[in-house]
PDB file of N, CA and C in Angstrom:
ATOM      1  N   UNK A   1      40.621  31.720 -29.658  1.00  0.00           N
ATOM      2  CA  UNK A   1      39.868  30.538 -29.302  1.00  0.00           C
ATOM      3  C   UNK A   1      38.428  30.898 -28.948  1.00  0.00           C
ATOM      4  N   UNK A   2      38.222  31.844 -28.052  1.00  0.00           N
ATOM      5  CA  UNK A   2      36.882  32.180 -27.593  1.00  0.00           C
ATOM      6  C   UNK A   2      36.015  32.742 -28.718  1.00  0.00           C
ATOM      7  N   UNK A   3      36.609  33.414 -29.686  1.00  0.00           N
ATOM      8  CA  UNK A   3      35.805  33.995 -30.756  1.00  0.00           C
ATOM      9  C   UNK A   3      35.236  32.936 -31.694  1.00  0.00           C
ATOM     10  N   UNK A   4      35.737  31.708 -31.622  1.00  0.00           N
ATOM     11  CA  UNK A   4      35.245  30.620 -32.460  1.00  0.00           C
ATOM     12  C   UNK A   4      34.152  29.789 -31.786  1.00  0.00           C
ATOM     13  N   UNK A   5      33.766  30.164 -30.559  1.00  0.00           N
ATOM     14  CA  UNK A   5      32.790  29.376 -29.808  1.00  0.00           C
ATOM     15  C   UNK A   5      31.407  30.005 -29.886  1.00  0.00           C
ATOM     16  N   UNK A   6      30.390  29.155 -29.958  1.00  0.00           N
ATOM     17  CA  UNK A   6      29.005  29.589 -29.834  1.00  0.00           C
ATOM     18  C   UNK A   6      28.542  29.229 -28.433  1.00  0.00           C
ATOM     19  N   UNK A   7      27.870  30.150 -27.773  1.00  0.00           N
ATOM     20  CA  UNK A   7      27.420  29.910 -26.409  1.00  0.00           C
ATOM     21  C   UNK A   7      25.919  30.114 -26.330  1.00  0.00           C
ATOM     22  N   UNK A   8      25.246  29.196 -25.701  1.00  0.00           N
ATOM     23  CA  UNK A   8      23.815  29.314 -25.469  1.00  0.00           C
ATOM     24  C   UNK A   8      23.595  29.669 -24.007  1.00  0.00           C
ATOM     25  N   UNK A   9      22.892  30.778 -23.766  1.00  0.00           N
ATOM     26  CA  UNK A   9      22.611  31.201 -22.396  1.00  0.00           C
ATOM     27  C   UNK A   9      21.143  31.571 -22.283  1.00  0.00           C
ATOM     28  N   UNK A  10      20.647  31.501 -21.059  1.00  0.00           N
ATOM     29  CA  UNK A  10      19.277  31.916 -20.808  1.00  0.00           C
ATOM     30  C   UNK A  10      19.177  33.431 -20.977  1.00  0.00           C
ATOM     31  N   UNK A  11      18.073  33.886 -21.506  1.00  0.00           N
ATOM     32  CA  UNK A  11      17.880  35.318 -21.753  1.00  0.00           C
ATOM     33  C   UNK A  11      18.021  36.130 -20.470  1.00  0.00           C
ATOM     34  N   UNK A  12      17.511  35.618 -19.369  1.00  0.00           N
ATOM     35  CA  UNK A  12      17.573  36.384 -18.118  1.00  0.00           C
ATOM     36  C   UNK A  12      18.999  36.495 -17.580  1.00  0.00           C
ATOM     37  N   UNK A  13      19.910  35.648 -18.034  1.00  0.00           N
ATOM     38  CA  UNK A  13      21.305  35.697 -17.590  1.00  0.00           C
ATOM     39  C   UNK A  13      22.184  36.563 -18.487  1.00  0.00           C
ATOM     40  N   UNK A  14      21.637  37.018 -19.600  1.00  0.00           N
ATOM     41  CA  UNK A  14      22.442  37.749 -20.580  1.00  0.00           C
ATOM     42  C   UNK A  14      23.120  38.999 -20.024  1.00  0.00           C
ATOM     43  N   UNK A  15      22.468  39.853 -19.238  1.00  0.00           N
ATOM     44  CA  UNK A  15      23.168  41.039 -18.717  1.00  0.00           C
ATOM     45  C   UNK A  15      24.391  40.662 -17.870  1.00  0.00           C
ATOM     46  N   UNK A  16      24.257  39.650 -17.052  1.00  0.00           N
ATOM     47  CA  UNK A  16      25.385  39.211 -16.226  1.00  0.00           C
ATOM     48  C   UNK A  16      26.511  38.654 -17.094  1.00  0.00           C
ATOM     49  N   UNK A  17      26.149  37.866 -18.088  1.00  0.00           N
ATOM     50  CA  UNK A  17      27.142  37.298 -18.997  1.00  0.00           C
ATOM     51  C   UNK A  17      27.845  38.415 -19.770  1.00  0.00           C
ATOM     52  N   UNK A  18      27.108  39.419 -20.197  1.00  0.00           N
ATOM     53  CA  UNK A  18      27.713  40.545 -20.910  1.00  0.00           C
ATOM     54  C   UNK A  18      28.733  41.261 -20.027  1.00  0.00           C
ATOM     55  N   UNK A  19      28.407  41.454 -18.752  1.00  0.00           N
ATOM     56  CA  UNK A  19      29.337  42.114 -17.827  1.00  0.00           C
ATOM     57  C   UNK A  19      30.600  41.270 -17.623  1.00  0.00           C
ATOM     58  N   UNK A  20      30.441  39.970 -17.501  1.00  0.00           N
ATOM     59  CA  UNK A  20      31.592  39.085 -17.325  1.00  0.00           C
ATOM     60  C   UNK A  20      32.453  39.080 -18.586  1.00  0.00           C
ATOM     61  N   UNK A  21      31.808  39.064 -19.739  1.00  0.00           N
ATOM     62  CA  UNK A  21      32.539  39.092 -21.006  1.00  0.00           C
ATOM     63  C   UNK A  21      33.356  40.378 -21.129  1.00  0.00           C
ATOM     64  N   UNK A  22      32.770  41.511 -20.768  1.00  0.00           N
ATOM     65  CA  UNK A  22      33.496  42.779 -20.810  1.00  0.00           C
ATOM     66  C   UNK A  22      34.705  42.736 -19.882  1.00  0.00           C
ATOM     67  N   UNK A  23      34.524  42.187 -18.686  1.00  0.00           N
ATOM     68  CA  UNK A  23      35.622  42.087 -17.727  1.00  0.00           C
ATOM     69  C   UNK A  23      36.753  41.228 -18.283  1.00  0.00           C
ATOM     70  N   UNK A  24      36.416  40.082 -18.841  1.00  0.00           N
ATOM     71  CA  UNK A  24      37.424  39.171 -19.379  1.00  0.00           C
ATOM     72  C   UNK A  24      38.186  39.829 -20.531  1.00  0.00           C
ATOM     73  N   UNK A  25      37.488  40.558 -21.385  1.00  0.00           N
ATOM     74  CA  UNK A  25      38.148  41.203 -22.525  1.00  0.00           C
ATOM     75  C   UNK A  25      39.124  42.291 -22.084  1.00  0.00           C
ATOM     76  N   UNK A  26      38.933  42.871 -20.897  1.00  0.00           N
ATOM     77  CA  UNK A  26      39.822  43.908 -20.380  1.00  0.00           C
ATOM     78  C   UNK A  26      41.065  43.326 -19.707  1.00  0.00           C
ATOM     79  N   UNK A  27      41.062  42.029 -19.383  1.00  0.00           N
ATOM     80  CA  UNK A  27      42.172  41.425 -18.650  1.00  0.00           C
ATOM     81  C   UNK A  27      43.389  41.207 -19.543  1.00  0.00           C
ATOM     82  N   UNK A  28      44.561  41.377 -18.937  1.00  0.00           N
ATOM     83  CA  UNK A  28      45.789  41.062 -19.655  1.00  0.00           C
ATOM     84  C   UNK A  28      46.093  39.571 -19.481  1.00  0.00           C
ATOM     85  N   UNK A  29      47.147  39.088 -20.119  1.00  0.00           N
ATOM     86  CA  UNK A  29      47.456  37.657 -20.083  1.00  0.00           C
ATOM     87  C   UNK A  29      47.690  37.138 -18.669  1.00  0.00           C
ATOM     88  N   UNK A  30      48.368  37.910 -17.849  1.00  0.00           N
ATOM     89  CA  UNK A  30      48.645  37.490 -16.474  1.00  0.00           C
ATOM     90  C   UNK A  30      47.347  37.358 -15.664  1.00  0.00           C
ATOM     91  N   UNK A  31      46.476  38.345 -15.810  1.00  0.00           N
ATOM     92  CA  UNK A  31      45.190  38.300 -15.102  1.00  0.00           C
ATOM     93  C   UNK A  31      44.343  37.128 -15.579  1.00  0.00           C
ATOM     94  N   UNK A  32      44.333  36.871 -16.886  1.00  0.00           N
ATOM     95  CA  UNK A  32      43.587  35.730 -17.419  1.00  0.00           C
ATOM     96  C   UNK A  32      44.137  34.416 -16.885  1.00  0.00           C
ATOM     97  N   UNK A  33      45.468  34.304 -16.842  1.00  0.00           N
ATOM     98  CA  UNK A  33      46.086  33.100 -16.322  1.00  0.00           C
ATOM     99  C   UNK A  33      45.700  32.878 -14.856  1.00  0.00           C
ATOM    100  N   UNK A  34      45.723  33.931 -14.054  1.00  0.00           N
ATOM    101  CA  UNK A  34      45.330  33.822 -12.651  1.00  0.00           C
ATOM    102  C   UNK A  34      43.862  33.400 -12.508  1.00  0.00           C
ATOM    103  N   UNK A  35      43.011  33.939 -13.372  1.00  0.00           N
ATOM    104  CA  UNK A  35      41.606  33.569 -13.318  1.00  0.00           C
ATOM    105  C   UNK A  35      41.417  32.093 -13.683  1.00  0.00           C
ATOM    106  N   UNK A  36      42.127  31.630 -14.701  1.00  0.00           N
ATOM    107  CA  UNK A  36      42.018  30.229 -15.100  1.00  0.00           C
ATOM    108  C   UNK A  36      42.514  29.301 -13.998  1.00  0.00           C
ATOM    109  N   UNK A  37      43.600  29.684 -13.318  1.00  0.00           N
ATOM    110  CA  UNK A  37      44.103  28.886 -12.198  1.00  0.00           C
ATOM    111  C   UNK A  37      43.054  28.826 -11.089  1.00  0.00           C
ATOM    112  N   UNK A  38      42.438  29.969 -10.798  1.00  0.00           N
ATOM    113  CA  UNK A  38      41.385  30.006  -9.778  1.00  0.00           C
ATOM    114  C   UNK A  38      40.221  29.092 -10.163  1.00  0.00           C
ATOM    115  N   UNK A  39      39.793  29.164 -11.416  1.00  0.00           N
ATOM    116  CA  UNK A  39      38.669  28.334 -11.864  1.00  0.00           C
ATOM    117  C   UNK A  39      39.016  26.846 -11.825  1.00  0.00           C
ATOM    118  N   UNK A  40      40.273  26.504 -12.109  1.00  0.00           N
ATOM    119  CA  UNK A  40      40.696  25.114 -11.986  1.00  0.00           C
ATOM    120  C   UNK A  40      40.595  24.668 -10.531  1.00  0.00           C
ATOM    121  N   UNK A  41      40.957  25.553  -9.612  1.00  0.00           N
ATOM    122  CA  UNK A  41      40.833  25.245  -8.186  1.00  0.00           C
ATOM    123  C   UNK A  41      39.389  25.041  -7.776  1.00  0.00           C
ATOM    124  N   UNK A  42      38.506  25.863  -8.302  1.00  0.00           N
ATOM    125  CA  UNK A  42      37.070  25.712  -8.010  1.00  0.00           C
ATOM    126  C   UNK A  42      36.574  24.364  -8.521  1.00  0.00           C
ATOM    127  N   UNK A  43      36.959  24.023  -9.744  1.00  0.00           N
ATOM    128  CA  UNK A  43      36.546  22.741 -10.332  1.00  0.00           C
ATOM    129  C   UNK A  43      37.086  21.571  -9.495  1.00  0.00           C
ATOM    130  N   UNK A  44      38.337  21.671  -9.047  1.00  0.00           N
ATOM    131  CA  UNK A  44      38.939  20.639  -8.214  1.00  0.00           C
ATOM    132  C   UNK A  44      38.173  20.502  -6.896  1.00  0.00           C
ATOM    133  N   UNK A  45      37.835  21.631  -6.275  1.00  0.00           N
ATOM    134  CA  UNK A  45      37.087  21.604  -5.010  1.00  0.00           C
ATOM    135  C   UNK A  45      35.705  20.988  -5.207  1.00  0.00           C
ATOM    136  N   UNK A  46      35.061  21.299  -6.326  1.00  0.00           N
ATOM    137  CA  UNK A  46      33.753  20.703  -6.605  1.00  0.00           C
ATOM    138  C   UNK A  46      33.880  19.188  -6.742  1.00  0.00           C
ATOM    139  N   UNK A  47      34.944  18.737  -7.383  1.00  0.00           N
ATOM    140  CA  UNK A  47      35.174  17.298  -7.546  1.00  0.00           C
ATOM    141  C   UNK A  47      35.373  16.636  -6.194  1.00  0.00           C
ATOM    142  N   UNK A  48      36.151  17.277  -5.320  1.00  0.00           N
ATOM    143  CA  UNK A  48      36.364  16.730  -3.979  1.00  0.00           C
ATOM    144  C   UNK A  48      35.056  16.674  -3.199  1.00  0.00           C
ATOM    145  N   UNK A  49      34.232  17.681  -3.373  1.00  0.00           N
ATOM    146  CA  UNK A  49      32.968  17.762  -2.667  1.00  0.00           C
ATOM    147  C   UNK A  49      32.010  16.646  -3.080  1.00  0.00           C
ATOM    148  N   UNK A  50      32.134  16.159  -4.317  1.00  0.00           N
ATOM    149  CA  UNK A  50      31.247  15.108  -4.809  1.00  0.00           C
ATOM    150  C   UNK A  50      31.683  13.709  -4.371  1.00  0.00           C
ATOM    151  N   UNK A  51      32.923  13.584  -3.897  1.00  0.00           N
ATOM    152  CA  UNK A  51      33.407  12.269  -3.489  1.00  0.00           C
ATOM    153  C   UNK A  51      32.871  11.914  -2.119  1.00  0.00           C
ATOM    154  N   UNK A  52      32.506  10.635  -1.915  1.00  0.00           N
ATOM    155  CA  UNK A  52      32.007  10.236  -0.603  1.00  0.00           C
ATOM    156  C   UNK A  52      33.125  10.288   0.444  1.00  0.00           C
ATOM    157  N   UNK A  53      32.746  10.627   1.661  1.00  0.00           N
ATOM    158  CA  UNK A  53      33.702  10.691   2.759  1.00  0.00           C
ATOM    159  C   UNK A  53      33.840   9.305   3.356  1.00  0.00           C
ATOM    160  N   UNK A  54      35.070   8.842   3.518  1.00  0.00           N
ATOM    161  CA  UNK A  54      35.309   7.535   4.107  1.00  0.00           C
ATOM    162  C   UNK A  54      36.182   7.685   5.327  1.00  0.00           C
ATOM    163  N   UNK A  55      35.967   6.855   6.329  1.00  0.00           N
ATOM    164  CA  UNK A  55      36.794   6.853   7.519  1.00  0.00           C
ATOM    165  C   UNK A  55      38.018   5.991   7.293  1.00  0.00           C
ATOM    166  N   UNK A  56      39.152   6.431   7.767  1.00  0.00           N
ATOM    167  CA  UNK A  56      40.374   5.655   7.601  1.00  0.00           C
ATOM    168  C   UNK A  56      40.714   4.925   8.852  1.00  0.00           C
TER     169      UNK A  56
END
C-alpha cells in the first residue's frame, strides 16, 4: 500500500521523514499494528480536544 503513495513534504523536513521511514520499514507486523493503534488514539484525542466543553 505505502509503495503506491506519493508524498509531498517540505525540503527542510526530509531528513526527519527519512529517519521515520527507515524506522517504519524495520518494524514487524506486530510493531506496525501497535503504532497504528497509538496513532488512532492520538487522532481520537485531537478530535476530543477540538470539541467544545459543556457543563452538564
